[in-house]
Amino acid sequence: MQALWIGQLDAGITLANRLGDTVSGQRWLAQRERLLGAFLRHFIQDGVVADHLNPDGSRDVKVRPNQLFTAPSFPPRSGAEWSEQSWRS
């Protein structure tokens, strides 16, 4: 879900900047950076993406299709790196 929010903020930032609304673009960029930082802190550990957080705050690292939505949130990697990372989780 957080990855979808990051994607929507990216779209909003792009649209705002194209329309000349730099105030909204900057505000949403700041929100995106905060959200991405929290996402990386809570959902990523040792290169493994958690599917969700359990009520006790622990990470559920079962592999599920919705984890693919997180890929655009990270720096580009080679196919080999993604494959290796996927198999480790």
N, C-alpha and C. Protein backbone atom coordinates (compact mmCIF):
# COMPACT_ATOMS: atom_id res chain seq x y z
N MET A 1 0.81 -1.19 0.00
CA MET A 1 0.00 0.00 0.00
C MET A 1 0.87 1.26 0.00
N GLN A 2 1.94 1.23 0.81
CA GLN A 2 2.83 2.38 0.87
C GLN A 2 3.48 2.64 -0.48
N ALA A 3 3.83 1.57 -1.19
CA ALA A 3 4.44 1.73 -2.52
C ALA A 3 3.46 2.40 -3.48
N LEU A 4 2.18 2.10 -3.36
CA LEU A 4 1.18 2.75 -4.21
C LEU A 4 1.09 4.24 -3.90
N TRP A 5 1.17 4.59 -2.62
CA TRP A 5 1.15 6.01 -2.24
C TRP A 5 2.36 6.74 -2.82
N ILE A 6 3.53 6.08 -2.77
CA ILE A 6 4.73 6.70 -3.33
C ILE A 6 4.52 6.96 -4.83
N GLY A 7 3.96 5.98 -5.53
CA GLY A 7 3.68 6.14 -6.96
C GLY A 7 2.70 7.26 -7.24
N GLN A 8 1.68 7.38 -6.41
CA GLN A 8 0.70 8.45 -6.60
C GLN A 8 1.32 9.82 -6.31
N LEU A 9 2.18 9.88 -5.30
CA LEU A 9 2.87 11.15 -5.04
C LEU A 9 3.78 11.51 -6.21
N ASP A 10 4.47 10.51 -6.79
CA ASP A 10 5.31 10.77 -7.97
C ASP A 10 4.48 11.37 -9.10
N ALA A 11 3.31 10.79 -9.34
CA ALA A 11 2.43 11.30 -10.40
C ALA A 11 1.98 12.72 -10.09
N GLY A 12 1.60 12.98 -8.84
CA GLY A 12 1.16 14.31 -8.44
C GLY A 12 2.27 15.34 -8.57
N ILE A 13 3.48 14.95 -8.17
CA ILE A 13 4.63 15.86 -8.28
C ILE A 13 4.89 16.22 -9.74
N THR A 14 4.88 15.23 -10.61
CA THR A 14 5.11 15.46 -12.04
C THR A 14 4.04 16.37 -12.61
N LEU A 15 2.80 16.07 -12.31
CA LEU A 15 1.69 16.88 -12.83
C LEU A 15 1.75 18.32 -12.31
N ALA A 16 1.98 18.45 -11.01
CA ALA A 16 2.05 19.80 -10.43
C ALA A 16 3.17 20.61 -11.08
N ASN A 17 4.33 19.99 -11.24
CA ASN A 17 5.46 20.71 -11.84
C ASN A 17 5.18 21.08 -13.29
N ARG A 18 4.54 20.20 -14.04
CA ARG A 18 4.21 20.51 -15.44
C ARG A 18 3.19 21.63 -15.55
N LEU A 19 2.34 21.74 -14.55
CA LEU A 19 1.32 22.79 -14.56
C LEU A 19 1.80 24.07 -13.89
N GLY A 20 3.06 24.05 -13.45
CA GLY A 20 3.62 25.25 -12.84
C GLY A 20 3.28 25.44 -11.37
N ASP A 21 2.68 24.43 -10.73
CA ASP A 21 2.32 24.52 -9.31
C ASP A 21 3.49 23.99 -8.48
N THR A 22 4.54 24.78 -8.41
CA THR A 22 5.74 24.32 -7.72
C THR A 22 5.54 24.21 -6.21
N VAL A 23 4.61 24.97 -5.64
CA VAL A 23 4.34 24.88 -4.21
C VAL A 23 3.83 23.48 -3.86
N SER A 24 2.82 23.01 -4.60
CA SER A 24 2.30 21.66 -4.36
C SER A 24 3.36 20.61 -4.68
N GLY A 25 4.09 20.81 -5.77
CA GLY A 25 5.14 19.86 -6.14
C GLY A 25 6.17 19.70 -5.04
N GLN A 26 6.61 20.80 -4.45
CA GLN A 26 7.59 20.74 -3.36
C GLN A 26 7.01 20.11 -2.10
N ARG A 27 5.75 20.45 -1.79
CA ARG A 27 5.10 19.87 -0.60
C ARG A 27 4.96 18.37 -0.75
N TRP A 28 4.54 17.91 -1.93
CA TRP A 28 4.37 16.48 -2.16
C TRP A 28 5.71 15.76 -2.22
N LEU A 29 6.74 16.44 -2.72
CA LEU A 29 8.07 15.85 -2.73
C LEU A 29 8.56 15.61 -1.30
N ALA A 30 8.33 16.56 -0.42
CA ALA A 30 8.72 16.40 0.99
C ALA A 30 7.95 15.23 1.62
N GLN A 31 6.66 15.11 1.31
CA GLN A 31 5.86 14.00 1.83
C GLN A 31 6.37 12.68 1.29
N ARG A 32 6.74 12.67 0.00
CA ARG A 32 7.25 11.45 -0.62
C ARG A 32 8.54 11.00 0.06
N GLU A 33 9.42 11.95 0.33
CA GLU A 33 10.69 11.61 0.98
C GLU A 33 10.47 11.04 2.38
N ARG A 34 9.54 11.63 3.14
CA ARG A 34 9.22 11.10 4.47
C ARG A 34 8.64 9.69 4.37
N LEU A 35 7.70 9.50 3.44
CA LEU A 35 7.08 8.20 3.26
C LEU A 35 8.10 7.15 2.83
N LEU A 36 8.97 7.51 1.88
CA LEU A 36 9.97 6.57 1.41
C LEU A 36 10.93 6.20 2.54
N GLY A 37 11.34 7.16 3.34
CA GLY A 37 12.22 6.88 4.47
C GLY A 37 11.58 5.91 5.46
N ALA A 38 10.31 6.13 5.78
CA ALA A 38 9.60 5.23 6.70
C ALA A 38 9.44 3.85 6.08
N PHE A 39 9.14 3.82 4.79
CA PHE A 39 8.99 2.53 4.09
C PHE A 39 10.29 1.74 4.15
N LEU A 40 11.40 2.40 3.85
CA LEU A 40 12.69 1.71 3.87
C LEU A 40 13.05 1.24 5.27
N ARG A 41 12.75 2.04 6.29
CA ARG A 41 13.04 1.66 7.68
C ARG A 41 12.21 0.47 8.14
N HIS A 42 10.93 0.47 7.79
CA HIS A 42 10.02 -0.53 8.35
C HIS A 42 9.82 -1.77 7.48
N PHE A 43 9.97 -1.63 6.17
CA PHE A 43 9.61 -2.73 5.29
C PHE A 43 10.80 -3.41 4.62
N ILE A 44 11.99 -2.83 4.68
CA ILE A 44 13.15 -3.40 4.01
C ILE A 44 14.20 -3.76 5.05
N GLN A 45 14.69 -5.01 4.98
CA GLN A 45 15.77 -5.42 5.86
C GLN A 45 16.61 -6.44 5.12
N ASP A 46 17.90 -6.18 5.05
CA ASP A 46 18.83 -7.07 4.34
C ASP A 46 18.38 -7.34 2.91
N GLY A 47 17.81 -6.33 2.26
CA GLY A 47 17.40 -6.47 0.87
C GLY A 47 16.11 -7.24 0.66
N VAL A 48 15.41 -7.59 1.73
CA VAL A 48 14.16 -8.34 1.63
C VAL A 48 13.00 -7.39 1.93
N VAL A 49 12.01 -7.39 1.06
CA VAL A 49 10.84 -6.53 1.22
C VAL A 49 9.76 -7.27 1.98
N ALA A 50 9.31 -6.70 3.08
CA ALA A 50 8.21 -7.29 3.84
C ALA A 50 6.90 -7.01 3.11
N ASP A 51 5.99 -7.97 3.17
CA ASP A 51 4.68 -7.78 2.56
C ASP A 51 3.85 -6.81 3.39
N HIS A 52 3.90 -6.98 4.70
CA HIS A 52 3.17 -6.08 5.60
C HIS A 52 3.77 -6.20 6.99
N LEU A 53 3.33 -5.32 7.88
CA LEU A 53 3.73 -5.39 9.27
C LEU A 53 2.61 -6.04 10.06
N ASN A 54 2.98 -6.94 10.95
CA ASN A 54 2.01 -7.59 11.81
C ASN A 54 1.62 -6.65 12.95
N PRO A 55 0.50 -6.94 13.65
CA PRO A 55 0.08 -6.05 14.75
C PRO A 55 1.17 -5.79 15.79
N ASP A 56 2.08 -6.76 15.98
CA ASP A 56 3.15 -6.56 16.96
C ASP A 56 4.34 -5.80 16.39
N GLY A 57 4.25 -5.36 15.12
CA GLY A 57 5.31 -4.60 14.48
C GLY A 57 6.34 -5.45 13.75
N SER A 58 6.23 -6.77 13.85
CA SER A 58 7.16 -7.64 13.13
C SER A 58 6.82 -7.64 11.64
N ARG A 59 7.80 -7.97 10.84
CA ARG A 59 7.64 -7.94 9.38
C ARG A 59 7.21 -9.31 8.87
N ASP A 60 6.21 -9.35 8.01
CA ASP A 60 5.81 -10.58 7.33
C ASP A 60 6.53 -10.60 5.98
N VAL A 61 7.47 -11.53 5.81
CA VAL A 61 8.29 -11.56 4.60
C VAL A 61 7.87 -12.64 3.61
N LYS A 62 6.66 -13.16 3.77
CA LYS A 62 6.17 -14.10 2.76
C LYS A 62 6.10 -13.39 1.42
N VAL A 63 6.45 -14.10 0.36
CA VAL A 63 6.44 -13.49 -0.98
C VAL A 63 5.01 -13.50 -1.52
N ARG A 64 4.55 -12.31 -1.89
CA ARG A 64 3.21 -12.14 -2.45
C ARG A 64 3.31 -11.22 -3.67
N PRO A 65 2.38 -11.36 -4.62
CA PRO A 65 2.46 -10.58 -5.85
C PRO A 65 2.46 -9.06 -5.64
N ASN A 66 1.78 -8.57 -4.62
CA ASN A 66 1.71 -7.12 -4.45
C ASN A 66 3.07 -6.50 -4.11
N GLN A 67 4.06 -7.31 -3.76
CA GLN A 67 5.39 -6.78 -3.49
C GLN A 67 6.04 -6.24 -4.76
N LEU A 68 5.55 -6.65 -5.91
CA LEU A 68 6.09 -6.11 -7.17
C LEU A 68 5.87 -4.62 -7.28
N PHE A 69 4.83 -4.09 -6.61
CA PHE A 69 4.56 -2.65 -6.66
C PHE A 69 5.67 -1.85 -6.00
N THR A 70 6.51 -2.49 -5.19
CA THR A 70 7.58 -1.77 -4.51
C THR A 70 8.77 -1.51 -5.43
N ALA A 71 8.91 -2.26 -6.51
CA ALA A 71 10.10 -2.17 -7.38
C ALA A 71 10.38 -0.75 -7.88
N PRO A 72 9.40 0.01 -8.34
CA PRO A 72 9.72 1.36 -8.83
C PRO A 72 10.22 2.32 -7.74
N SER A 73 10.09 1.95 -6.48
CA SER A 73 10.49 2.82 -5.39
C SER A 73 11.98 2.77 -5.10
N PHE A 74 12.69 1.85 -5.75
CA PHE A 74 14.10 1.64 -5.45
C PHE A 74 14.97 2.00 -6.64
N PRO A 75 16.26 2.25 -6.37
CA PRO A 75 17.18 2.53 -7.48
C PRO A 75 17.24 1.35 -8.44
N PRO A 76 17.53 1.61 -9.72
CA PRO A 76 17.60 0.52 -10.70
C PRO A 76 18.66 -0.51 -10.32
N ARG A 77 18.35 -1.77 -10.59
CA ARG A 77 19.27 -2.87 -10.35
C ARG A 77 19.26 -3.76 -11.57
N SER A 78 20.27 -4.57 -11.66
CA SER A 78 20.30 -5.51 -12.77
C SER A 78 19.30 -6.63 -12.51
N GLY A 79 18.92 -7.33 -13.56
CA GLY A 79 18.00 -8.46 -13.41
C GLY A 79 18.55 -9.53 -12.50
N ALA A 80 19.86 -9.74 -12.56
CA ALA A 80 20.48 -10.76 -11.71
C ALA A 80 20.34 -10.40 -10.24
N GLU A 81 20.50 -9.12 -9.91
CA GLU A 81 20.37 -8.71 -8.52
C GLU A 81 18.94 -8.92 -8.02
N TRP A 82 17.94 -8.55 -8.85
CA TRP A 82 16.54 -8.74 -8.44
C TRP A 82 16.23 -10.22 -8.28
N SER A 83 16.72 -11.05 -9.20
CA SER A 83 16.44 -12.48 -9.12
C SER A 83 17.04 -13.07 -7.86
N GLU A 84 18.29 -12.72 -7.57
CA GLU A 84 18.96 -13.24 -6.40
C GLU A 84 18.21 -12.81 -5.14
N GLN A 85 17.83 -11.55 -5.10
CA GLN A 85 17.12 -11.02 -3.94
C GLN A 85 15.78 -11.71 -3.78
N SER A 86 15.07 -11.94 -4.85
CA SER A 86 13.76 -12.59 -4.78
C SER A 86 13.86 -14.00 -4.23
N TRP A 87 14.85 -14.73 -4.66
CA TRP A 87 15.00 -16.11 -4.21
C TRP A 87 15.40 -16.17 -2.75
N ARG A 88 16.14 -15.17 -2.26
CA ARG A 88 16.55 -15.19 -0.85
C ARG A 88 15.36 -15.01 0.07
N SER A 89 14.36 -14.27 -0.37
CA SER A 89 13.21 -14.04 0.49
C SER A 89 12.24 -15.16 0.30
